[in-house]
Structure formats: structure tokens, C-alpha cells
Amino acid sequence: MSLTYKEIITGIVTLTGVTMLFSCQGNLDEIRALDLEGDAPQSIAQGINLKYTDSGRMVANLKSPKMMDFTNKEFPYREFPEGLELEIYDENNEKSTVTSDYGIIYDGTNLIDLQGNVVIYTADSMRLEASQLFWDQNINWVFTDKPNTIKFPNGALNEGEGFDANQNFGNFRSRTNVGVQIIKDNKPDE
């Protein structure tokens, strides 16, 4: 039996194609990994509006024009390069709002880093402004070493260079500050 050159070439091409098809079958994850550049996110979300609920009650609402998901990295995180707005609802359904120009959430440590025009406006009308603010979700603690201004509902004002506080600001420690404090006199008039 004699084969023509055309039949030999067709056989080689077919054999090569079948070999390639079966050799790639078990390497799908490796092939997908090749698609991602070294520092590329695993996904990018545009126009997000995430609502967190607990037992049917709205707890938080996170909005952002863009979120980049790097949770495939050794130290996983999610980045909000175009800023974010977070609405937090308490047990009485009263809303506090947090906004910033940039944010990053580190999944492994539950630390949130907010940067650029950070503003917290609480349900009781307290307003905090800072250039950077950290929130440790594990211990419900908020802190910064950057300049900040806090305007309290009673008219008091605090301008400082850093503070530590629990997330509802009931336990507040300011490092260096100047401000106006309003103190009620509980003595009866004489």
C-alpha cells in the first residue's frame, strides 16, 4: 500500500490536532492563569450596589462606580479606585454614611483603608472629615494618624492629628487636638 504525500500530510495534521486537543484537556486552570497578567485583578465590577441584610433587615448598602477584585492573590483584597459610599443602618433603622475617594478592603485582616476626602456622617448628625481613615472590622475600631475634623451635634468641634475610637465613637481618644467643647452646667441657678 502506497500513500501519497497529500495523505501523509493530512494524517500528520490530524494527529497533531488530536494530540493538542487531548493534551490541553487537564490544564484548563493553567491556561486560564496564563490569561491574567501578573498584577491583574481576577474580576472588575462596574456600578456596584451591594445590599447586606440580616434577618430581613437592611444592615449596610455599599455603592461604588468600580471595584477590582484581587482575592486571587496571596494577600487577598478588593480595591475601589473611584471611591465608595457606604450606608450603615443601626437597630432603629437610622442611617450613617461613609464616603471616600478611594478604598481598599483587606480580606485576610478585615481592615478597611479609606483615603481621600473621607467623610463619616452619623445618624445623630456627627460629621468626621479626614484624609485617611482605617476601620478594623474584627474589633470594631476606627483610627487615623492624619489630620481630622469632627463636628459634634451639640456644636462642639475637634481638630486633631489622629484618634482612636470604637465604631460608634462612644470611646474616643484624640492624640493632639484643638477645639471647642460645649459643657452643660447641671447646677441649679442661684
N, C-alpha and C. Protein backbone atom coordinates (compact mmCIF):
# COMPACT_ATOMS: atom_id res chain seq x y z
N MET A 1 0.85 -1.17 0.00
CA MET A 1 0.00 0.00 0.00
C MET A 1 0.89 1.23 0.00
N SER A 2 0.63 2.05 -0.92
CA SER A 2 1.44 3.25 -1.06
C SER A 2 0.59 4.47 -0.72
N LEU A 3 1.20 5.37 0.05
CA LEU A 3 0.50 6.59 0.46
C LEU A 3 1.03 7.77 -0.32
N THR A 4 0.14 8.67 -0.63
CA THR A 4 0.55 9.89 -1.33
C THR A 4 1.01 10.93 -0.31
N TYR A 5 1.72 11.93 -0.81
CA TYR A 5 2.16 13.00 0.08
C TYR A 5 0.98 13.73 0.72
N LYS A 6 -0.08 13.86 -0.02
CA LYS A 6 -1.28 14.53 0.49
C LYS A 6 -1.87 13.76 1.67
N GLU A 7 -1.94 12.44 1.57
CA GLU A 7 -2.47 11.62 2.65
C GLU A 7 -1.56 11.64 3.87
N ILE A 8 -0.26 11.66 3.66
CA ILE A 8 0.70 11.71 4.77
C ILE A 8 0.57 13.04 5.51
N ILE A 9 0.52 14.14 4.79
CA ILE A 9 0.39 15.48 5.41
C ILE A 9 -0.94 15.59 6.14
N THR A 10 -2.02 15.10 5.54
CA THR A 10 -3.33 15.13 6.19
C THR A 10 -3.30 14.32 7.48
N GLY A 11 -2.65 13.17 7.45
CA GLY A 11 -2.53 12.33 8.66
C GLY A 11 -1.73 13.01 9.75
N ILE A 12 -0.64 13.67 9.38
CA ILE A 12 0.20 14.37 10.36
C ILE A 12 -0.58 15.53 10.99
N VAL A 13 -1.27 16.32 10.17
CA VAL A 13 -2.06 17.45 10.67
C VAL A 13 -3.16 16.94 11.60
N THR A 14 -3.85 15.89 11.24
CA THR A 14 -4.91 15.33 12.08
C THR A 14 -4.34 14.83 13.40
N LEU A 15 -3.23 14.10 13.34
CA LEU A 15 -2.60 13.58 14.54
C LEU A 15 -2.15 14.71 15.47
N THR A 16 -1.58 15.76 14.91
CA THR A 16 -1.14 16.92 15.69
C THR A 16 -2.33 17.60 16.35
N GLY A 17 -3.41 17.79 15.62
CA GLY A 17 -4.61 18.44 16.16
C GLY A 17 -5.22 17.65 17.31
N VAL A 18 -5.34 16.32 17.13
CA VAL A 18 -5.91 15.47 18.18
C VAL A 18 -5.01 15.47 19.42
N THR A 19 -3.70 15.43 19.20
CA THR A 19 -2.75 15.45 20.32
C THR A 19 -2.88 16.75 21.11
N MET A 20 -2.99 17.87 20.42
CA MET A 20 -3.13 19.17 21.09
C MET A 20 -4.44 19.22 21.87
N LEU A 21 -5.51 18.71 21.28
CA LEU A 21 -6.81 18.75 21.94
C LEU A 21 -6.78 17.98 23.25
N PHE A 22 -6.22 16.77 23.24
CA PHE A 22 -6.20 15.96 24.45
C PHE A 22 -5.15 16.43 25.46
N SER A 23 -4.09 17.03 25.01
CA SER A 23 -3.06 17.50 25.95
C SER A 23 -3.53 18.71 26.74
N CYS A 24 -4.45 19.49 26.22
CA CYS A 24 -4.95 20.69 26.91
C CYS A 24 -6.12 20.37 27.83
N GLN A 25 -6.68 19.20 27.71
CA GLN A 25 -7.88 18.86 28.46
C GLN A 25 -7.73 19.05 29.96
N GLY A 26 -6.65 18.59 30.59
CA GLY A 26 -6.50 18.66 32.04
C GLY A 26 -5.83 19.92 32.54
N ASN A 27 -5.50 20.83 31.66
CA ASN A 27 -4.74 22.03 32.04
C ASN A 27 -5.58 23.30 31.96
N LEU A 28 -6.87 23.21 32.12
CA LEU A 28 -7.74 24.37 31.96
C LEU A 28 -7.40 25.48 32.96
N ASP A 29 -7.14 25.13 34.22
CA ASP A 29 -6.78 26.15 35.21
C ASP A 29 -5.46 26.82 34.85
N GLU A 30 -4.51 26.04 34.37
CA GLU A 30 -3.22 26.62 33.97
C GLU A 30 -3.39 27.56 32.79
N ILE A 31 -4.24 27.21 31.86
CA ILE A 31 -4.47 28.05 30.69
C ILE A 31 -5.16 29.34 31.10
N ARG A 32 -6.14 29.27 32.00
CA ARG A 32 -6.82 30.47 32.49
C ARG A 32 -5.85 31.38 33.24
N ALA A 33 -4.95 30.80 34.00
CA ALA A 33 -3.97 31.59 34.75
C ALA A 33 -3.06 32.36 33.81
N LEU A 34 -2.79 31.79 32.63
CA LEU A 34 -1.95 32.48 31.66
C LEU A 34 -2.64 33.73 31.11
N ASP A 35 -3.96 33.74 31.12
CA ASP A 35 -4.72 34.89 30.64
C ASP A 35 -4.51 36.13 31.52
N LEU A 36 -4.32 35.93 32.84
CA LEU A 36 -4.18 37.04 33.76
C LEU A 36 -2.75 37.53 33.78
N GLU A 37 -2.60 38.84 33.66
CA GLU A 37 -1.28 39.41 33.80
C GLU A 37 -0.90 39.34 35.27
N GLY A 38 0.37 39.55 35.57
CA GLY A 38 0.89 39.41 36.93
C GLY A 38 0.10 40.13 38.01
N ASP A 39 -0.25 41.38 37.80
CA ASP A 39 -0.95 42.15 38.83
C ASP A 39 -2.41 42.42 38.47
N ALA A 40 -2.94 41.72 37.52
CA ALA A 40 -4.31 41.95 37.08
C ALA A 40 -5.31 41.41 38.09
N PRO A 41 -6.44 42.11 38.26
CA PRO A 41 -7.49 41.58 39.14
C PRO A 41 -8.16 40.37 38.50
N GLN A 42 -8.76 39.55 39.33
CA GLN A 42 -9.48 38.40 38.78
C GLN A 42 -10.82 38.83 38.19
N SER A 43 -11.35 39.96 38.68
CA SER A 43 -12.58 40.49 38.10
C SER A 43 -12.67 41.98 38.38
N ILE A 44 -13.45 42.67 37.56
CA ILE A 44 -13.71 44.10 37.72
C ILE A 44 -15.22 44.28 37.63
N ALA A 45 -15.79 44.97 38.61
CA ALA A 45 -17.23 45.23 38.61
C ALA A 45 -17.45 46.73 38.42
N GLN A 46 -18.42 47.07 37.60
CA GLN A 46 -18.76 48.47 37.33
C GLN A 46 -20.14 48.76 37.93
N GLY A 47 -20.28 49.94 38.55
CA GLY A 47 -21.58 50.38 39.06
C GLY A 47 -22.17 49.44 40.10
N ILE A 48 -21.41 49.10 41.12
CA ILE A 48 -21.91 48.13 42.10
C ILE A 48 -22.85 48.80 43.11
N ASN A 49 -23.79 48.03 43.57
CA ASN A 49 -24.75 48.44 44.60
C ASN A 49 -25.08 47.19 45.41
N LEU A 50 -24.23 46.90 46.43
CA LEU A 50 -24.38 45.69 47.24
C LEU A 50 -25.19 46.00 48.50
N LYS A 51 -26.20 45.21 48.76
CA LYS A 51 -27.03 45.39 49.95
C LYS A 51 -26.81 44.21 50.88
N TYR A 52 -26.46 44.52 52.13
CA TYR A 52 -26.25 43.50 53.15
C TYR A 52 -27.45 43.49 54.08
N THR A 53 -28.02 42.32 54.29
CA THR A 53 -29.17 42.20 55.18
C THR A 53 -28.89 41.16 56.26
N ASP A 54 -29.60 41.29 57.36
CA ASP A 54 -29.51 40.32 58.45
C ASP A 54 -30.93 40.10 58.95
N SER A 55 -31.43 38.89 58.79
CA SER A 55 -32.79 38.53 59.19
C SER A 55 -33.82 39.45 58.54
N GLY A 56 -33.59 39.79 57.28
CA GLY A 56 -34.54 40.62 56.55
C GLY A 56 -34.38 42.12 56.77
N ARG A 57 -33.51 42.52 57.68
CA ARG A 57 -33.30 43.95 57.98
C ARG A 57 -32.07 44.43 57.23
N MET A 58 -32.18 45.60 56.58
CA MET A 58 -31.04 46.19 55.88
C MET A 58 -30.00 46.60 56.90
N VAL A 59 -28.76 46.12 56.74
CA VAL A 59 -27.66 46.43 57.64
C VAL A 59 -26.72 47.44 56.99
N ALA A 60 -26.41 47.24 55.70
CA ALA A 60 -25.49 48.13 55.00
C ALA A 60 -25.77 48.10 53.51
N ASN A 61 -25.38 49.18 52.85
CA ASN A 61 -25.50 49.29 51.41
C ASN A 61 -24.22 49.92 50.88
N LEU A 62 -23.47 49.19 50.07
CA LEU A 62 -22.19 49.65 49.52
C LEU A 62 -22.39 49.98 48.05
N LYS A 63 -22.01 51.24 47.68
CA LYS A 63 -22.12 51.68 46.29
C LYS A 63 -20.74 52.16 45.84
N SER A 64 -20.40 51.84 44.59
CA SER A 64 -19.14 52.28 44.03
C SER A 64 -19.20 52.22 42.51
N PRO A 65 -18.55 53.17 41.85
CA PRO A 65 -18.52 53.10 40.38
C PRO A 65 -17.69 51.93 39.87
N LYS A 66 -16.67 51.50 40.66
CA LYS A 66 -15.80 50.43 40.19
C LYS A 66 -15.18 49.69 41.36
N MET A 67 -15.17 48.36 41.26
CA MET A 67 -14.50 47.52 42.25
C MET A 67 -13.61 46.53 41.51
N MET A 68 -12.36 46.44 41.97
CA MET A 68 -11.41 45.48 41.39
C MET A 68 -11.14 44.39 42.42
N ASP A 69 -11.35 43.15 42.04
CA ASP A 69 -11.25 42.01 42.96
C ASP A 69 -9.90 41.32 42.81
N PHE A 70 -9.08 41.42 43.85
CA PHE A 70 -7.77 40.77 43.87
C PHE A 70 -7.75 39.65 44.91
N THR A 71 -8.88 39.01 45.15
CA THR A 71 -8.95 37.96 46.16
C THR A 71 -8.27 36.67 45.71
N ASN A 72 -7.75 36.65 44.48
CA ASN A 72 -6.99 35.50 43.99
C ASN A 72 -5.51 35.61 44.36
N LYS A 73 -5.11 36.69 44.99
CA LYS A 73 -3.70 36.91 45.35
C LYS A 73 -3.38 36.25 46.68
N GLU A 74 -2.10 36.16 46.99
CA GLU A 74 -1.66 35.57 48.25
C GLU A 74 -2.18 36.37 49.45
N PHE A 75 -2.22 37.71 49.32
CA PHE A 75 -2.79 38.59 50.35
C PHE A 75 -4.02 39.23 49.72
N PRO A 76 -5.20 38.59 49.84
CA PRO A 76 -6.38 39.00 49.08
C PRO A 76 -6.96 40.35 49.53
N TYR A 77 -7.45 41.11 48.54
CA TYR A 77 -8.08 42.39 48.82
C TYR A 77 -9.01 42.78 47.68
N ARG A 78 -9.86 43.76 47.97
CA ARG A 78 -10.75 44.36 46.98
C ARG A 78 -10.50 45.86 46.98
N GLU A 79 -10.36 46.43 45.81
CA GLU A 79 -9.99 47.84 45.69
C GLU A 79 -11.12 48.63 45.03
N PHE A 80 -11.34 49.86 45.52
CA PHE A 80 -12.35 50.76 44.98
C PHE A 80 -11.63 52.02 44.50
N PRO A 81 -11.05 51.98 43.28
CA PRO A 81 -10.20 53.07 42.83
C PRO A 81 -10.94 54.38 42.53
N GLU A 82 -12.24 54.32 42.34
CA GLU A 82 -13.01 55.52 42.03
C GLU A 82 -13.90 55.93 43.19
N GLY A 83 -13.58 55.45 44.39
CA GLY A 83 -14.31 55.85 45.58
C GLY A 83 -15.46 54.92 45.91
N LEU A 84 -16.08 55.23 47.06
CA LEU A 84 -17.20 54.42 47.51
C LEU A 84 -18.11 55.23 48.43
N GLU A 85 -19.30 54.72 48.59
CA GLU A 85 -20.27 55.25 49.56
C GLU A 85 -20.85 54.05 50.29
N LEU A 86 -20.78 54.09 51.62
CA LEU A 86 -21.30 53.02 52.44
C LEU A 86 -22.35 53.58 53.38
N GLU A 87 -23.55 53.04 53.33
CA GLU A 87 -24.62 53.41 54.24
C GLU A 87 -24.77 52.28 55.25
N ILE A 88 -24.72 52.63 56.54
CA ILE A 88 -24.83 51.64 57.61
C ILE A 88 -26.08 51.94 58.41
N TYR A 89 -26.90 50.91 58.63
CA TYR A 89 -28.16 51.09 59.36
C TYR A 89 -28.07 50.43 60.73
N ASP A 90 -28.49 51.15 61.78
CA ASP A 90 -28.46 50.58 63.12
C ASP A 90 -29.76 49.83 63.40
N GLU A 91 -29.92 49.35 64.64
CA GLU A 91 -31.10 48.57 65.01
C GLU A 91 -32.40 49.36 64.89
N ASN A 92 -32.31 50.70 64.96
CA ASN A 92 -33.50 51.55 64.83
C ASN A 92 -33.70 52.03 63.40
N ASN A 93 -32.96 51.44 62.45
CA ASN A 93 -33.01 51.77 61.04
C ASN A 93 -32.54 53.20 60.75
N GLU A 94 -31.70 53.76 61.64
CA GLU A 94 -31.12 55.07 61.41
C GLU A 94 -29.82 54.90 60.64
N LYS A 95 -29.61 55.78 59.67
CA LYS A 95 -28.52 55.60 58.71
C LYS A 95 -27.33 56.50 59.03
N SER A 96 -26.13 55.90 58.97
CA SER A 96 -24.86 56.63 58.98
C SER A 96 -24.23 56.39 57.62
N THR A 97 -23.51 57.41 57.10
CA THR A 97 -22.94 57.32 55.77
C THR A 97 -21.43 57.56 55.81
N VAL A 98 -20.69 56.76 55.06
CA VAL A 98 -19.24 56.89 54.92
C VAL A 98 -18.95 57.05 53.43
N THR A 99 -18.17 58.10 53.07
CA THR A 99 -17.75 58.28 51.68
C THR A 99 -16.24 58.51 51.63
N SER A 100 -15.63 58.13 50.52
CA SER A 100 -14.20 58.39 50.31
C SER A 100 -13.91 58.33 48.81
N ASP A 101 -12.77 58.93 48.43
CA ASP A 101 -12.35 58.93 47.03
C ASP A 101 -11.72 57.60 46.61
N TYR A 102 -11.26 56.82 47.59
CA TYR A 102 -10.57 55.57 47.31
C TYR A 102 -10.76 54.66 48.52
N GLY A 103 -10.85 53.37 48.28
CA GLY A 103 -10.96 52.43 49.39
C GLY A 103 -10.36 51.09 49.03
N ILE A 104 -9.93 50.38 50.07
CA ILE A 104 -9.40 49.03 49.87
C ILE A 104 -9.78 48.20 51.10
N ILE A 105 -10.26 46.99 50.85
CA ILE A 105 -10.66 46.07 51.92
C ILE A 105 -9.71 44.88 51.86
N TYR A 106 -8.99 44.65 52.94
CA TYR A 106 -8.08 43.51 53.03
C TYR A 106 -8.83 42.34 53.67
N ASP A 107 -9.09 41.31 52.89
CA ASP A 107 -9.90 40.18 53.35
C ASP A 107 -9.25 39.41 54.50
N GLY A 108 -7.96 39.21 54.44
CA GLY A 108 -7.27 38.41 55.45
C GLY A 108 -7.27 39.03 56.83
N THR A 109 -7.27 40.35 56.89
CA THR A 109 -7.19 41.04 58.18
C THR A 109 -8.49 41.75 58.55
N ASN A 110 -9.45 41.83 57.63
CA ASN A 110 -10.70 42.58 57.83
C ASN A 110 -10.44 44.05 58.13
N LEU A 111 -9.38 44.60 57.55
CA LEU A 111 -9.04 46.00 57.70
C LEU A 111 -9.49 46.75 56.46
N ILE A 112 -10.14 47.90 56.67
CA ILE A 112 -10.57 48.76 55.58
C ILE A 112 -9.76 50.04 55.64
N ASP A 113 -9.18 50.44 54.51
CA ASP A 113 -8.38 51.65 54.39
C ASP A 113 -9.13 52.59 53.45
N LEU A 114 -9.58 53.73 53.97
CA LEU A 114 -10.27 54.74 53.18
C LEU A 114 -9.35 55.93 53.01
N GLN A 115 -9.27 56.47 51.79
CA GLN A 115 -8.36 57.58 51.53
C GLN A 115 -9.01 58.63 50.66
N GLY A 116 -8.64 59.89 50.89
CA GLY A 116 -9.10 60.99 50.07
C GLY A 116 -10.50 61.45 50.40
N ASN A 117 -10.61 62.61 51.01
CA ASN A 117 -11.92 63.20 51.33
C ASN A 117 -12.84 62.22 52.06
N VAL A 118 -12.33 61.60 53.08
CA VAL A 118 -13.13 60.65 53.86
C VAL A 118 -14.10 61.45 54.73
N VAL A 119 -15.37 61.13 54.63
CA VAL A 119 -16.40 61.80 55.43
C VAL A 119 -17.30 60.74 56.05
N ILE A 120 -17.48 60.84 57.36
CA ILE A 120 -18.45 60.00 58.06
C ILE A 120 -19.51 60.93 58.61
N TYR A 121 -20.75 60.65 58.28
CA TYR A 121 -21.87 61.42 58.80
C TYR A 121 -22.78 60.44 59.53
N THR A 122 -22.82 60.55 60.87
CA THR A 122 -23.55 59.57 61.66
C THR A 122 -25.04 59.91 61.76
N ALA A 123 -25.81 58.94 62.20
CA ALA A 123 -27.25 59.10 62.34
C ALA A 123 -27.61 60.22 63.33
N ASP A 124 -26.73 60.48 64.31
CA ASP A 124 -27.01 61.55 65.27
C ASP A 124 -26.38 62.87 64.86
N SER A 125 -26.00 63.03 63.58
CA SER A 125 -25.51 64.27 62.97
C SER A 125 -24.07 64.63 63.31
N MET A 126 -23.27 63.70 63.76
CA MET A 126 -21.85 63.98 63.93
C MET A 126 -21.20 63.83 62.56
N ARG A 127 -20.26 64.73 62.25
CA ARG A 127 -19.58 64.71 60.95
C ARG A 127 -18.07 64.65 61.19
N LEU A 128 -17.42 63.64 60.62
CA LEU A 128 -15.98 63.48 60.71
C LEU A 128 -15.40 63.60 59.31
N GLU A 129 -14.32 64.39 59.19
CA GLU A 129 -13.63 64.54 57.91
C GLU A 129 -12.15 64.24 58.13
N ALA A 130 -11.57 63.46 57.22
CA ALA A 130 -10.15 63.11 57.32
C ALA A 130 -9.62 62.79 55.93
N SER A 131 -8.29 62.82 55.79
CA SER A 131 -7.71 62.46 54.50
C SER A 131 -7.52 60.94 54.40
N GLN A 132 -7.44 60.26 55.55
CA GLN A 132 -7.33 58.80 55.58
C GLN A 132 -7.92 58.28 56.88
N LEU A 133 -8.54 57.12 56.79
CA LEU A 133 -9.17 56.53 57.96
C LEU A 133 -9.11 55.00 57.81
N PHE A 134 -8.80 54.33 58.90
CA PHE A 134 -8.79 52.87 58.93
C PHE A 134 -9.93 52.37 59.81
N TRP A 135 -10.51 51.24 59.42
CA TRP A 135 -11.57 50.62 60.22
C TRP A 135 -11.22 49.14 60.36
N ASP A 136 -10.99 48.72 61.60
CA ASP A 136 -10.71 47.32 61.90
C ASP A 136 -12.04 46.65 62.23
N GLN A 137 -12.54 45.85 61.30
CA GLN A 137 -13.84 45.21 61.48
C GLN A 137 -13.83 44.13 62.54
N ASN A 138 -12.65 43.54 62.82
CA ASN A 138 -12.58 42.49 63.84
C ASN A 138 -12.88 43.02 65.23
N ILE A 139 -12.40 44.21 65.54
CA ILE A 139 -12.61 44.77 66.88
C ILE A 139 -13.48 46.02 66.86
N ASN A 140 -14.09 46.32 65.69
CA ASN A 140 -14.98 47.48 65.53
C ASN A 140 -14.29 48.76 65.99
N TRP A 141 -13.10 49.01 65.46
CA TRP A 141 -12.29 50.14 65.89
C TRP A 141 -11.93 51.00 64.68
N VAL A 142 -12.03 52.33 64.83
CA VAL A 142 -11.73 53.30 63.78
C VAL A 142 -10.54 54.12 64.23
N PHE A 143 -9.58 54.38 63.33
CA PHE A 143 -8.41 55.15 63.74
C PHE A 143 -7.74 55.82 62.55
N THR A 144 -6.94 56.85 62.85
CA THR A 144 -6.13 57.53 61.85
C THR A 144 -4.99 58.26 62.53
N ASP A 145 -3.92 58.51 61.79
CA ASP A 145 -2.81 59.35 62.24
C ASP A 145 -2.80 60.66 61.47
N LYS A 146 -3.76 60.85 60.60
CA LYS A 146 -3.83 62.02 59.73
C LYS A 146 -4.67 63.12 60.37
N PRO A 147 -4.53 64.35 59.87
CA PRO A 147 -5.37 65.45 60.35
C PRO A 147 -6.85 65.12 60.14
N ASN A 148 -7.67 65.53 61.11
CA ASN A 148 -9.11 65.24 61.03
C ASN A 148 -9.90 66.33 61.74
N THR A 149 -11.14 66.46 61.36
CA THR A 149 -12.05 67.43 61.97
C THR A 149 -13.34 66.69 62.31
N ILE A 150 -13.80 66.90 63.54
CA ILE A 150 -15.06 66.30 63.97
C ILE A 150 -15.98 67.41 64.45
N LYS A 151 -17.17 67.43 63.88
CA LYS A 151 -18.20 68.38 64.30
C LYS A 151 -19.30 67.57 64.98
N PHE A 152 -19.50 67.86 66.27
CA PHE A 152 -20.48 67.12 67.06
C PHE A 152 -21.86 67.78 66.95
N PRO A 153 -22.93 67.04 67.18
CA PRO A 153 -24.29 67.57 67.05
C PRO A 153 -24.57 68.76 67.97
N ASN A 154 -23.89 68.82 69.12
CA ASN A 154 -24.15 69.91 70.06
C ASN A 154 -23.37 71.18 69.73
N GLY A 155 -22.63 71.19 68.61
CA GLY A 155 -21.87 72.36 68.20
C GLY A 155 -20.39 72.28 68.55
N ALA A 156 -19.98 71.28 69.30
CA ALA A 156 -18.57 71.14 69.65
C ALA A 156 -17.78 70.79 68.39
N LEU A 157 -16.51 71.20 68.41
CA LEU A 157 -15.63 70.99 67.27
C LEU A 157 -14.29 70.47 67.77
N ASN A 158 -13.74 69.49 67.08
CA ASN A 158 -12.43 68.93 67.44
C ASN A 158 -11.60 68.82 66.17
N GLU A 159 -10.43 69.46 66.16
CA GLU A 159 -9.49 69.33 65.06
C GLU A 159 -8.23 68.69 65.61
N GLY A 160 -7.82 67.58 65.03
CA GLY A 160 -6.70 66.84 65.61
C GLY A 160 -5.79 66.21 64.58
N GLU A 161 -4.75 65.59 65.09
CA GLU A 161 -3.75 64.89 64.27
C GLU A 161 -3.80 63.40 64.57
N GLY A 162 -4.93 62.82 64.62
CA GLY A 162 -5.06 61.38 64.86
C GLY A 162 -5.98 61.09 66.03
N PHE A 163 -6.63 59.94 65.94
CA PHE A 163 -7.52 59.49 67.01
C PHE A 163 -7.74 58.00 66.89
N ASP A 164 -8.25 57.44 67.97
CA ASP A 164 -8.74 56.05 68.02
C ASP A 164 -10.13 56.11 68.61
N ALA A 165 -11.04 55.29 68.10
CA ALA A 165 -12.40 55.27 68.64
C ALA A 165 -13.08 53.95 68.31
N ASN A 166 -14.06 53.58 69.14
CA ASN A 166 -14.89 52.45 68.72
C ASN A 166 -15.79 52.96 67.60
N GLN A 167 -16.42 52.06 66.87
CA GLN A 167 -17.10 52.48 65.65
C GLN A 167 -18.31 53.37 65.87
N ASN A 168 -18.86 53.42 67.08
CA ASN A 168 -19.96 54.36 67.33
C ASN A 168 -19.48 55.62 68.06
N PHE A 169 -18.14 55.77 68.21
CA PHE A 169 -17.49 56.94 68.80
C PHE A 169 -17.88 57.15 70.26
N GLY A 170 -18.35 56.12 70.94
CA GLY A 170 -18.65 56.22 72.37
C GLY A 170 -17.37 56.23 73.20
N ASN A 171 -16.31 55.59 72.72
CA ASN A 171 -15.00 55.59 73.36
C ASN A 171 -14.05 56.24 72.37
N PHE A 172 -13.68 57.50 72.64
CA PHE A 172 -12.91 58.30 71.69
C PHE A 172 -11.64 58.82 72.34
N ARG A 173 -10.49 58.58 71.71
CA ARG A 173 -9.21 59.06 72.22
C ARG A 173 -8.53 59.87 71.13
N SER A 174 -8.39 61.17 71.37
CA SER A 174 -7.73 62.04 70.41
C SER A 174 -6.28 62.23 70.83
N ARG A 175 -5.37 62.27 69.87
CA ARG A 175 -3.95 62.39 70.21
C ARG A 175 -3.55 63.83 70.46
N THR A 176 -3.54 64.65 69.44
CA THR A 176 -3.28 66.08 69.61
C THR A 176 -4.43 66.81 68.97
N ASN A 177 -5.00 67.75 69.69
CA ASN A 177 -6.17 68.41 69.12
C ASN A 177 -6.37 69.80 69.70
N VAL A 178 -7.14 70.57 69.00
CA VAL A 178 -7.68 71.84 69.48
C VAL A 178 -9.14 71.81 69.12
N GLY A 179 -9.93 72.55 69.87
CA GLY A 179 -11.34 72.55 69.55
C GLY A 179 -12.16 73.33 70.54
N VAL A 180 -13.43 73.30 70.31
CA VAL A 180 -14.41 73.95 71.16
C VAL A 180 -15.31 72.86 71.72
N GLN A 181 -15.33 72.78 73.04
CA GLN A 181 -16.19 71.80 73.70
C GLN A 181 -17.34 72.51 74.39
N ILE A 182 -18.51 71.96 74.31
CA ILE A 182 -19.69 72.53 74.95
C ILE A 182 -20.01 71.66 76.15
N ILE A 183 -19.98 72.29 77.32
CA ILE A 183 -20.20 71.57 78.57
C ILE A 183 -21.45 72.15 79.23
N LYS A 184 -22.37 71.26 79.57
CA LYS A 184 -23.61 71.69 80.24
C LYS A 184 -23.33 71.88 81.73
N ASP A 185 -23.89 72.93 82.28
CA ASP A 185 -23.79 73.19 83.71
C ASP A 185 -25.06 72.64 84.35
N ASN A 186 -24.91 71.61 85.17
CA ASN A 186 -26.07 70.98 85.80
C ASN A 186 -26.41 71.57 87.16
N LYS A 187 -25.73 72.67 87.56
CA LYS A 187 -26.04 73.32 88.84
C LYS A 187 -27.34 74.12 88.68
N PRO A 188 -28.15 74.07 89.70
CA PRO A 188 -29.34 74.92 89.65
C PRO A 188 -28.95 76.38 89.79
N ASP A 189 -29.69 77.23 89.13
CA ASP A 189 -29.41 78.68 89.23
C ASP A 189 -29.56 79.16 90.66
N GLU A 190 -28.62 80.01 91.09
CA GLU A 190 -28.64 80.52 92.46
C GLU A 190 -29.14 81.92 92.50
